Amino acid sequence: MSAAAITLPPQFCSEMSRLGLDDLPAALAAGEQPVSVRLNAAKGGASFEGAEPVEWCAEGLYLPERPQFTLDPRLHQGLYYVQEASSMFHALMVRSLTGDAMRPLRVLDACAAPGGKTTAVLSALPSGSIVVANEYVPARAAVLRENLVKWGSPDVIVTRGDTASFRPMREAFDMIVADVPCSGEGMMRKDPRAAEQWSTALVRECMERQCEILDNLWPSLRPGGWLIYSTCTFNRDENENMVERLIERYGAESVEVAVDPAWGITPGIATEAHCYRFIPGRTRGEGLFAAALRKPGILPEKEQEPSRRKDKKRGKTSAAAIDMSEWIEGADNYTTLITDERFTAFPTRHLDLLRRVSERVDVIYEGVSLAAVKGRDLIPAHPLALSTALRSERFPEAALDADTALAYLRGEAIEMPQGTPCGYVAVTFEGHPLGWVKNLGRRSNNLYPPHYRIKFK
């Protein structure tokens, strides 16, 4: 995909030259913007004709051209995530850092929207781990929740709040991922507005915010735990300087991640810390800076004993509690939470973390939403259809062809195949669920959430 012509600020070009990145402005001003996706291995992924592998991510693929992703039902099923290839490096970093972990880990993705890095981290962690995915901006938090629902992992807590909310949660997390707000120099080729908005004042403003975020997060990291710091910018002030500040201020230890020189990833500039720079024209992707640091101390090897406290129902319900052994796989590992006439399954071993988080920050989604009560009806929730924990044999299914699947995603009434039983039915495309309908016999009610529906044909 060819880049749109952009005009780069002269002061930015001078700064890149001073850093030894003389070739960067030309690569940003004109060049190829690769199209890439990362497959959801937990759902079996998807195939793309003519795709090539992303070298640093086993699930990553470069596509020969950009398709109309919105019109691909597999995207809405969470079989893959459209993600810039450089950002897939986070999956490699997590696997490298946690490869010897003997227990599930607790991870905070502090600046998580829209969810690409969160889904990459979820896929790379040891089994049974959990990710708290946080976003400050409400609209972005809603997008984050939607993308995590599609991805289908039940091992998530989605929160909306400032990173300051996590500061009192001392030593709550084994790993923190901080893909911090930055001046966006790495996005100039992809988004010309990043070039138009750039200024030295913006860089200084971002630096101050990054310092604040890191100071908020560091106390909540356990001794021996890891912090992954990243930006999509090129200057040293927001990158190497921030890493060195963590080392000097908190005694953080720089951690090396093994990379193949053939990938074209360049080291940090004027620093002894292990840093990884993705430079357009040298690597096949957009701009990214990443570094891993370790908090001094020893990370406990033994998993914390799961909480056995039963959560009480909050609010009245006219339906019997769900027998989760019929609804989800591994039901013994979950606790049913009932709030505002809604049933949610949440991993029991992490209940104490959920309580601790919910005391400090607004939780907008957790675990897997199972059902809602409406009168005497128990209506299966959309996230259940897309969850990797769903016991698909519990519900009747109806297979849709491509055209009917798109009609369903637009929220249209669709005709059920002959012989489909009445009641709640999971509609599928190519063997994977899309969502629910209530089949009434002569007609069916489309239960695809209105705010998820696609708006064009």
Protein backbone atom coordinates (compact mmCIF):
# COMPACT_ATOMS: atom_id res chain seq x y z
CA MET A 1 0.00 0.00 0.00
CA SER A 2 1.55 3.30 -1.07
CA ALA A 3 1.90 6.13 1.42
CA ALA A 4 0.16 9.44 0.92
CA ALA A 5 2.51 12.35 0.36
CA ILE A 6 3.26 14.18 3.60
CA THR A 7 5.27 17.25 4.55
CA LEU A 8 7.60 16.67 7.47
CA PRO A 9 8.50 19.49 9.90
CA PRO A 10 12.07 20.71 9.16
CA GLN A 11 12.97 20.63 12.87
CA PHE A 12 11.88 17.00 13.05
CA CYS A 13 14.07 16.12 10.04
CA SER A 14 17.04 17.88 11.65
CA GLU A 15 16.53 15.97 14.89
CA MET A 16 16.36 12.64 13.06
CA SER A 17 19.60 13.48 11.25
CA ARG A 18 21.26 14.30 14.58
CA LEU A 19 20.24 10.86 15.85
CA GLY A 20 21.79 9.15 12.83
CA LEU A 21 18.43 8.44 11.21
CA ASP A 22 19.12 10.37 8.01
CA ASP A 23 17.23 7.82 5.90
CA LEU A 24 14.07 8.03 8.01
CA PRO A 25 12.42 11.19 6.58
CA ALA A 26 12.57 9.79 3.05
CA ALA A 27 11.03 6.50 4.22
CA LEU A 28 8.24 8.37 5.97
CA ALA A 29 7.56 10.77 3.11
CA ALA A 30 7.27 8.02 0.50
CA GLY A 31 7.22 4.27 0.82
CA GLU A 32 5.17 1.17 1.38
CA GLN A 33 2.78 0.77 4.31
CA PRO A 34 2.54 -2.98 4.93
CA VAL A 35 -0.84 -4.48 5.75
CA SER A 36 -0.67 -7.10 8.47
CA VAL A 37 -2.88 -9.22 10.72
CA ARG A 38 -2.25 -11.38 13.77
CA LEU A 39 -4.14 -14.67 13.99
CA ASN A 40 -6.05 -15.83 17.05
CA ALA A 41 -4.52 -19.27 17.60
CA ALA A 42 -7.05 -20.05 20.36
CA LYS A 43 -9.79 -19.95 17.70
CA GLY A 44 -7.82 -21.61 14.94
CA GLY A 45 -6.94 -18.40 13.09
CA ALA A 46 -7.75 -17.72 9.45
CA SER A 47 -6.07 -18.16 6.07
CA PHE A 48 -5.17 -15.38 3.62
CA GLU A 49 -4.08 -16.04 0.05
CA GLY A 50 -0.59 -14.76 -0.74
CA ALA A 51 0.24 -13.93 2.88
CA GLU A 52 3.83 -13.84 4.17
CA PRO A 53 4.94 -14.40 7.78
CA VAL A 54 5.94 -11.59 10.13
CA GLU A 55 9.41 -12.69 11.22
CA TRP A 56 9.12 -11.75 14.91
CA CYS A 57 5.58 -13.03 15.47
CA ALA A 58 4.52 -16.63 14.87
CA GLU A 59 0.88 -15.59 14.44
CA GLY A 60 1.59 -12.53 12.26
CA LEU A 61 0.98 -12.29 8.52
CA TYR A 62 1.70 -9.62 5.91
CA LEU A 63 -1.08 -9.41 3.32
CA PRO A 64 -0.44 -8.62 -0.35
CA GLU A 65 -3.14 -5.92 -0.29
CA ARG A 66 -5.65 -4.40 2.10
CA PRO A 67 -9.05 -6.12 1.88
CA GLN A 68 -12.32 -4.66 3.14
CA PHE A 69 -11.86 -6.02 6.64
CA THR A 70 -15.25 -4.73 7.79
CA LEU A 71 -16.96 -7.06 5.31
CA ASP A 72 -15.06 -10.13 6.50
CA PRO A 73 -17.14 -12.08 9.06
CA ARG A 74 -13.94 -13.68 10.37
CA LEU A 75 -12.82 -10.31 11.74
CA HIS A 76 -16.06 -9.98 13.73
CA GLN A 77 -15.65 -13.55 14.98
CA GLY A 78 -12.24 -12.65 16.42
CA LEU A 79 -10.30 -15.11 14.26
CA TYR A 80 -7.68 -12.41 13.66
CA TYR A 81 -6.81 -8.85 14.62
CA VAL A 82 -5.67 -6.19 12.17
CA GLN A 83 -2.42 -4.98 13.71
CA GLU A 84 0.63 -3.11 12.55
CA ALA A 85 3.50 -5.60 12.28
CA SER A 86 5.98 -3.73 14.49
CA SER A 87 3.51 -3.78 17.39
CA MET A 88 3.41 -7.59 17.22
CA PHE A 89 6.87 -7.51 18.81
CA HIS A 90 5.11 -7.33 22.19
CA ALA A 91 4.07 -10.98 21.86
CA LEU A 92 7.70 -12.00 21.38
CA MET A 93 8.78 -9.89 24.35
CA VAL A 94 6.18 -11.45 26.64
CA ARG A 95 7.10 -14.98 25.59
CA SER A 96 10.80 -14.21 26.06
CA LEU A 97 10.30 -12.78 29.56
CA THR A 98 7.81 -15.34 30.87
CA GLY A 99 9.09 -18.50 29.22
CA ASP A 100 10.28 -19.96 32.54
CA ALA A 101 7.22 -18.91 34.54
CA MET A 102 5.85 -21.81 36.59
CA ARG A 103 2.48 -20.26 37.38
CA PRO A 104 -0.21 -18.01 35.91
CA LEU A 105 0.72 -14.33 35.91
CA ARG A 106 -1.18 -11.12 36.57
CA VAL A 107 -0.59 -8.42 33.99
CA LEU A 108 -1.67 -4.79 33.70
CA ASP A 109 -1.89 -3.30 30.23
CA ALA A 110 -2.04 0.29 31.41
CA CYS A 111 -2.78 2.17 28.17
CA ALA A 112 -4.54 -0.61 26.32
CA ALA A 113 -6.91 0.79 23.66
CA PRO A 114 -7.70 -0.24 21.03
CA GLY A 115 -6.58 -3.69 22.18
CA GLY A 116 -3.97 -4.97 19.73
CA LYS A 117 -1.20 -5.28 22.28
CA THR A 118 -3.62 -6.64 24.89
CA THR A 119 -4.66 -9.49 22.63
CA ALA A 120 -1.01 -10.16 21.75
CA VAL A 121 -0.10 -10.32 25.44
CA LEU A 122 -3.06 -12.61 26.23
CA SER A 123 -1.92 -15.03 23.54
CA ALA A 124 1.66 -15.12 24.82
CA LEU A 125 1.14 -15.55 28.58
CA PRO A 126 1.24 -18.84 30.53
CA SER A 127 -2.11 -20.63 30.78
CA GLY A 128 -4.40 -19.28 33.49
CA SER A 129 -2.88 -15.80 33.49
CA ILE A 130 -5.04 -12.69 33.52
CA VAL A 131 -4.73 -9.24 31.96
CA VAL A 132 -6.22 -6.04 33.36
CA ALA A 133 -6.67 -3.84 30.28
CA ASN A 134 -7.08 -0.17 31.17
CA GLU A 135 -7.95 2.90 29.11
CA TYR A 136 -8.53 6.45 30.28
CA VAL A 137 -10.67 7.85 27.43
CA PRO A 138 -14.28 6.50 27.64
CA ALA A 139 -14.82 6.16 23.87
CA ARG A 140 -11.51 4.31 23.47
CA ALA A 141 -12.34 2.12 26.46
CA ALA A 142 -15.55 1.06 24.71
CA VAL A 143 -13.57 0.07 21.60
CA LEU A 144 -11.12 -1.84 23.80
CA ARG A 145 -13.96 -3.79 25.40
CA GLU A 146 -15.46 -4.63 22.00
CA ASN A 147 -12.17 -5.91 20.61
CA LEU A 148 -11.52 -8.05 23.68
CA VAL A 149 -15.03 -9.50 23.50
CA LYS A 150 -14.33 -10.49 19.89
CA TRP A 151 -10.95 -11.99 20.82
CA GLY A 152 -12.83 -14.25 23.23
CA SER A 153 -10.44 -14.77 26.14
CA PRO A 154 -12.22 -15.03 29.50
CA ASP A 155 -9.03 -14.06 31.32
CA VAL A 156 -9.56 -10.29 31.20
CA ILE A 157 -10.68 -7.34 33.28
CA VAL A 158 -11.37 -4.17 31.31
CA THR A 159 -11.13 -0.93 33.28
CA ARG A 160 -11.60 2.76 32.56
CA GLY A 161 -9.50 5.19 34.55
CA ASP A 162 -6.30 7.12 35.11
CA THR A 163 -3.09 5.23 35.83
CA ALA A 164 -3.01 7.05 39.19
CA SER A 165 -5.80 4.65 40.25
CA PHE A 166 -3.29 1.79 40.20
CA ARG A 167 -0.61 3.50 42.28
CA PRO A 168 -2.12 2.39 45.64
CA MET A 169 -2.33 -1.23 44.41
CA ARG A 170 1.15 -2.04 45.63
CA GLU A 171 2.80 -5.10 44.11
CA ALA A 172 -0.43 -6.32 42.50
CA PHE A 173 1.02 -7.27 39.10
CA ASP A 174 3.74 -9.59 37.83
CA MET A 175 4.04 -7.62 34.59
CA ILE A 176 3.01 -4.17 33.39
CA VAL A 177 2.76 -3.19 29.74
CA ALA A 178 2.98 0.58 29.23
CA ASP A 179 2.49 1.56 25.59
CA VAL A 180 2.35 5.19 26.58
CA PRO A 181 0.79 8.19 24.79
CA CYS A 182 3.53 9.81 22.72
CA SER A 183 4.21 12.38 20.03
CA GLY A 184 3.42 9.80 17.35
CA GLU A 185 6.41 10.33 15.08
CA GLY A 186 6.24 6.66 14.10
CA MET A 187 2.74 7.14 12.72
CA MET A 188 3.58 10.00 10.33
CA ARG A 189 3.64 7.73 7.29
CA LYS A 190 0.34 6.12 8.28
CA ASP A 191 -1.42 9.27 9.46
CA PRO A 192 -0.34 12.64 7.97
CA ARG A 193 -2.02 14.42 10.89
CA ALA A 194 0.79 13.18 13.12
CA ALA A 195 3.21 15.27 11.05
CA GLU A 196 0.92 18.29 11.10
CA GLN A 197 0.56 18.18 14.89
CA TRP A 198 4.22 17.56 15.70
CA SER A 199 6.20 20.16 17.65
CA THR A 200 8.95 20.25 20.24
CA ALA A 201 6.31 21.47 22.71
CA LEU A 202 4.29 18.30 22.04
CA VAL A 203 7.37 16.16 22.72
CA ARG A 204 7.93 17.93 26.07
CA GLU A 205 4.26 17.53 26.98
CA CYS A 206 4.42 13.81 26.20
CA MET A 207 7.59 13.39 28.25
CA GLU A 208 5.91 14.90 31.31
CA ARG A 209 2.90 12.63 30.91
CA GLN A 210 5.11 9.56 30.43
CA CYS A 211 7.02 10.32 33.63
CA GLU A 212 3.73 10.63 35.49
CA ILE A 213 2.41 7.34 34.09
CA LEU A 214 5.57 5.42 34.95
CA ASP A 215 5.68 6.87 38.46
CA ASN A 216 2.06 5.81 38.93
CA LEU A 217 2.65 2.27 37.70
CA TRP A 218 5.97 1.31 39.27
CA PRO A 219 4.62 0.76 42.84
CA SER A 220 2.02 -1.73 41.55
CA LEU A 221 4.71 -3.98 40.02
CA ARG A 222 5.87 -6.90 42.15
CA PRO A 223 9.59 -7.31 42.95
CA GLY A 224 11.11 -9.46 40.22
CA GLY A 225 8.33 -8.48 37.82
CA TRP A 226 8.72 -6.94 34.38
CA LEU A 227 7.71 -3.67 32.80
CA ILE A 228 7.48 -3.42 29.02
CA TYR A 229 7.79 0.20 27.93
CA SER A 230 6.96 1.24 24.38
CA THR A 231 6.12 4.21 22.19
CA CYS A 232 5.46 4.82 18.49
CA THR A 233 7.95 7.67 18.28
CA PHE A 234 11.64 8.13 17.40
CA ASN A 235 13.19 10.83 19.61
CA ARG A 236 15.42 9.88 22.55
CA ASP A 237 13.52 12.03 25.04
CA GLU A 238 10.48 9.79 24.99
CA ASN A 239 12.43 6.59 24.54
CA GLU A 240 15.95 5.93 25.83
CA ASN A 241 15.73 8.82 28.29
CA MET A 242 12.62 7.30 29.86
CA VAL A 243 14.29 3.90 30.15
CA GLU A 244 17.37 5.42 31.75
CA ARG A 245 15.17 7.38 34.16
CA LEU A 246 13.58 4.12 35.35
CA ILE A 247 17.03 2.62 35.84
CA GLU A 248 18.38 5.60 37.76
CA ARG A 249 15.26 6.44 39.78
CA TYR A 250 14.03 2.95 40.67
CA GLY A 251 17.01 0.66 40.12
CA ALA A 252 15.24 -1.06 37.23
CA GLU A 253 17.30 -3.69 35.43
CA SER A 254 17.42 -3.68 31.64
CA VAL A 255 16.44 -7.07 30.17
CA GLU A 256 17.61 -8.35 26.81
CA VAL A 257 15.22 -9.94 24.31
CA ALA A 258 16.86 -12.10 21.64
CA VAL A 259 16.27 -10.85 18.09
CA ASP A 260 17.53 -12.00 14.72
CA PRO A 261 19.77 -9.37 13.04
CA ALA A 262 18.06 -10.21 9.73
CA TRP A 263 14.85 -8.62 11.03
CA GLY A 264 16.38 -5.15 10.77
CA ILE A 265 15.54 -4.11 14.35
CA THR A 266 18.04 -1.49 15.50
CA PRO A 267 19.39 -0.99 19.05
CA GLY A 268 18.90 2.00 21.29
CA ILE A 269 20.74 5.25 20.58
CA ALA A 270 23.57 6.30 22.92
CA THR A 271 22.54 3.95 25.73
CA GLU A 272 23.76 0.75 27.34
CA ALA A 273 20.20 -0.38 28.01
CA HIS A 274 18.63 -3.04 25.81
CA CYS A 275 16.28 -1.14 23.51
CA TYR A 276 14.59 -2.12 20.26
CA ARG A 277 13.80 0.36 17.50
CA PHE A 278 11.66 -0.37 14.45
CA ILE A 279 12.58 2.15 11.77
CA PRO A 280 10.53 2.34 8.54
CA GLY A 281 12.79 1.56 5.62
CA ARG A 282 14.89 -0.76 7.80
CA THR A 283 12.11 -2.93 9.20
CA ARG A 284 8.90 -3.89 7.46
CA GLY A 285 6.50 -1.91 9.60
CA GLU A 286 5.81 1.45 11.21
CA GLY A 287 7.84 3.15 13.91
CA LEU A 288 8.11 1.51 17.32
CA PHE A 289 10.39 1.73 20.35
CA ALA A 290 10.31 -0.98 23.00
CA ALA A 291 12.32 -1.97 26.06
CA ALA A 292 11.90 -4.48 28.89
CA LEU A 293 12.89 -3.75 32.48
CA ARG A 294 12.82 -5.82 35.63
CA LYS A 295 12.06 -4.63 39.14
CA PRO A 296 14.76 -5.69 41.63
CA GLY A 297 13.77 -8.64 43.77
CA ILE A 298 12.48 -12.16 43.33
CA LEU A 299 9.15 -12.98 41.76
CA PRO A 300 7.31 -15.63 43.84
CA GLU A 301 7.24 -19.02 42.15
CA LYS A 302 4.15 -20.31 43.96
CA GLU A 303 0.75 -19.33 42.71
CA GLN A 304 -1.48 -17.53 45.19
CA GLU A 305 -4.22 -19.77 46.56
CA PRO A 306 -7.49 -19.17 44.68
CA SER A 307 -10.17 -17.30 46.58
CA ARG A 308 -13.04 -19.54 47.63
CA ARG A 309 -15.36 -16.84 48.92
CA LYS A 310 -18.73 -17.01 47.23
CA ASP A 311 -19.89 -13.73 45.76
CA LYS A 312 -23.42 -12.88 46.78
CA LYS A 313 -26.11 -11.99 44.28
CA ARG A 314 -26.52 -8.27 43.84
CA GLY A 315 -30.09 -7.53 42.84
CA LYS A 316 -33.09 -9.78 42.40
CA THR A 317 -33.49 -12.22 39.56
CA SER A 318 -36.45 -14.23 38.38
CA ALA A 319 -34.35 -16.94 36.75
CA ALA A 320 -32.44 -19.80 38.33
CA ALA A 321 -28.67 -19.50 38.51
CA ILE A 322 -26.90 -20.81 35.43
CA ASP A 323 -25.40 -24.29 35.57
CA MET A 324 -22.06 -23.25 34.10
CA SER A 325 -20.96 -26.84 33.57
CA GLU A 326 -23.41 -26.83 30.66
CA TRP A 327 -22.45 -23.38 29.32
CA ILE A 328 -18.64 -23.16 29.44
CA GLU A 329 -15.64 -25.44 29.43
CA GLY A 330 -13.75 -25.86 32.71
CA ALA A 331 -16.66 -24.47 34.72
CA ASP A 332 -15.11 -25.61 38.00
CA ASN A 333 -12.45 -22.92 37.52
CA TYR A 334 -15.02 -20.10 37.41
CA THR A 335 -17.28 -18.28 39.83
CA THR A 336 -20.66 -16.92 38.75
CA LEU A 337 -21.13 -13.21 39.46
CA ILE A 338 -24.65 -11.81 39.33
CA THR A 339 -25.07 -8.06 38.95
CA ASP A 340 -28.04 -6.07 37.64
CA GLU A 341 -29.80 -9.14 36.26
CA ARG A 342 -26.66 -10.23 34.41
CA PHE A 343 -24.60 -13.39 34.87
CA THR A 344 -20.84 -13.37 34.41
CA ALA A 345 -18.29 -16.18 34.73
CA PHE A 346 -14.97 -15.08 36.18
CA PRO A 347 -11.78 -17.12 36.86
CA THR A 348 -11.95 -18.02 40.56
CA ARG A 349 -8.19 -17.86 41.10
CA HIS A 350 -8.24 -14.13 40.28
CA LEU A 351 -11.32 -13.04 42.24
CA ASP A 352 -9.21 -11.25 44.84
CA LEU A 353 -7.57 -9.20 42.08
CA LEU A 354 -10.98 -8.31 40.62
CA ARG A 355 -12.14 -7.07 44.01
CA ARG A 356 -8.95 -5.09 44.52
CA VAL A 357 -9.15 -3.49 41.09
CA SER A 358 -12.86 -2.67 41.37
CA GLU A 359 -12.20 -0.76 44.60
CA ARG A 360 -9.92 1.66 42.74
CA VAL A 361 -11.07 1.93 39.15
CA ASP A 362 -14.22 1.55 37.07
CA VAL A 363 -14.54 -2.04 35.81
CA ILE A 364 -16.53 -2.10 32.55
CA TYR A 365 -16.10 -5.80 31.67
CA GLU A 366 -14.68 -8.92 33.28
CA GLY A 367 -14.42 -12.63 32.53
CA VAL A 368 -17.11 -13.71 30.10
CA SER A 369 -20.64 -12.37 30.14
CA LEU A 370 -23.01 -15.34 30.13
CA ALA A 371 -26.59 -14.12 30.04
CA ALA A 372 -29.11 -11.49 30.99
CA VAL A 373 -32.50 -11.96 32.61
CA LYS A 374 -35.56 -10.54 30.88
CA GLY A 375 -38.77 -11.53 32.63
CA ARG A 376 -38.68 -15.30 32.76
CA ASP A 377 -36.21 -15.50 29.89
CA LEU A 378 -32.50 -16.15 30.25
CA ILE A 379 -30.95 -14.53 27.16
CA PRO A 380 -27.43 -15.74 26.25
CA ALA A 381 -24.99 -12.84 26.03
CA HIS A 382 -23.16 -11.94 22.85
CA PRO A 383 -19.68 -12.30 24.48
CA LEU A 384 -20.52 -15.91 25.34
CA ALA A 385 -20.96 -16.72 21.64
CA LEU A 386 -17.47 -15.41 20.88
CA SER A 387 -15.75 -16.78 23.99
CA THR A 388 -13.14 -19.51 23.73
CA ALA A 389 -14.77 -20.97 26.87
CA LEU A 390 -18.15 -21.61 25.19
CA ARG A 391 -19.41 -25.19 25.16
CA SER A 392 -20.81 -25.04 21.67
CA GLU A 393 -22.67 -28.35 21.95
CA ARG A 394 -24.89 -26.78 24.64
CA PHE A 395 -26.74 -24.66 22.06
CA PRO A 396 -28.25 -25.47 18.68
CA GLU A 397 -26.36 -23.94 15.75
CA ALA A 398 -27.30 -22.66 12.32
CA ALA A 399 -24.62 -22.27 9.64
CA LEU A 400 -24.79 -19.12 7.48
CA ASP A 401 -23.28 -18.48 4.08
CA ALA A 402 -21.22 -15.32 3.47
CA ASP A 403 -24.09 -13.13 2.26
CA THR A 404 -26.38 -14.14 5.13
CA ALA A 405 -23.57 -13.68 7.64
CA LEU A 406 -23.11 -10.09 6.45
CA ALA A 407 -26.85 -9.49 6.65
CA TYR A 408 -26.74 -10.75 10.23
CA LEU A 409 -23.82 -8.42 11.05
CA ARG A 410 -25.87 -5.51 9.65
CA GLY A 411 -28.62 -6.39 12.12
CA GLU A 412 -31.10 -7.59 9.50
CA ALA A 413 -33.67 -10.31 10.08
CA ILE A 414 -32.34 -13.50 8.53
CA GLU A 415 -34.05 -16.70 7.48
CA MET A 416 -33.03 -19.79 9.43
CA PRO A 417 -32.09 -22.98 7.59
CA GLN A 418 -34.81 -25.62 7.34
CA GLY A 419 -35.05 -27.68 10.51
CA THR A 420 -33.51 -25.11 12.88
CA PRO A 421 -35.12 -25.61 16.31
CA CYS A 422 -37.00 -22.78 17.99
CA GLY A 423 -35.34 -20.87 20.80
CA TYR A 424 -31.90 -19.35 21.15
CA VAL A 425 -29.59 -20.44 18.36
CA ALA A 426 -25.91 -19.73 17.75
CA VAL A 427 -25.41 -18.64 14.14
CA THR A 428 -22.05 -19.64 12.68
CA PHE A 429 -19.88 -18.87 9.68
CA GLU A 430 -17.32 -21.43 8.52
CA GLY A 431 -17.71 -23.32 11.78
CA HIS A 432 -17.22 -20.40 14.19
CA PRO A 433 -19.97 -18.50 16.08
CA LEU A 434 -21.04 -15.00 15.04
CA GLY A 435 -23.68 -14.44 17.72
CA TRP A 436 -27.25 -15.36 18.62
CA VAL A 437 -30.72 -15.29 17.16
CA LYS A 438 -34.01 -16.22 18.77
CA ASN A 439 -35.72 -18.49 16.29
CA LEU A 440 -39.51 -18.12 16.47
CA GLY A 441 -40.28 -20.58 13.70
CA ARG A 442 -41.59 -18.41 10.87
CA ARG A 443 -39.15 -15.64 11.68
CA SER A 444 -36.15 -14.95 13.92
CA ASN A 445 -35.00 -12.05 16.07
CA ASN A 446 -31.47 -10.88 15.32
CA LEU A 447 -29.66 -10.45 18.66
CA TYR A 448 -26.43 -9.01 17.28
CA PRO A 449 -25.64 -5.94 19.47
CA PRO A 450 -26.77 -2.71 17.75
CA HIS A 451 -23.52 -0.87 18.55
CA TYR A 452 -21.45 -3.63 16.86
CA ARG A 453 -23.42 -3.68 13.62
CA ILE A 454 -21.68 -2.79 10.36
CA LYS A 455 -23.14 0.23 8.62
CA PHE A 456 -22.57 -0.46 4.93
CA LYS A 457 -22.80 -3.30 2.41
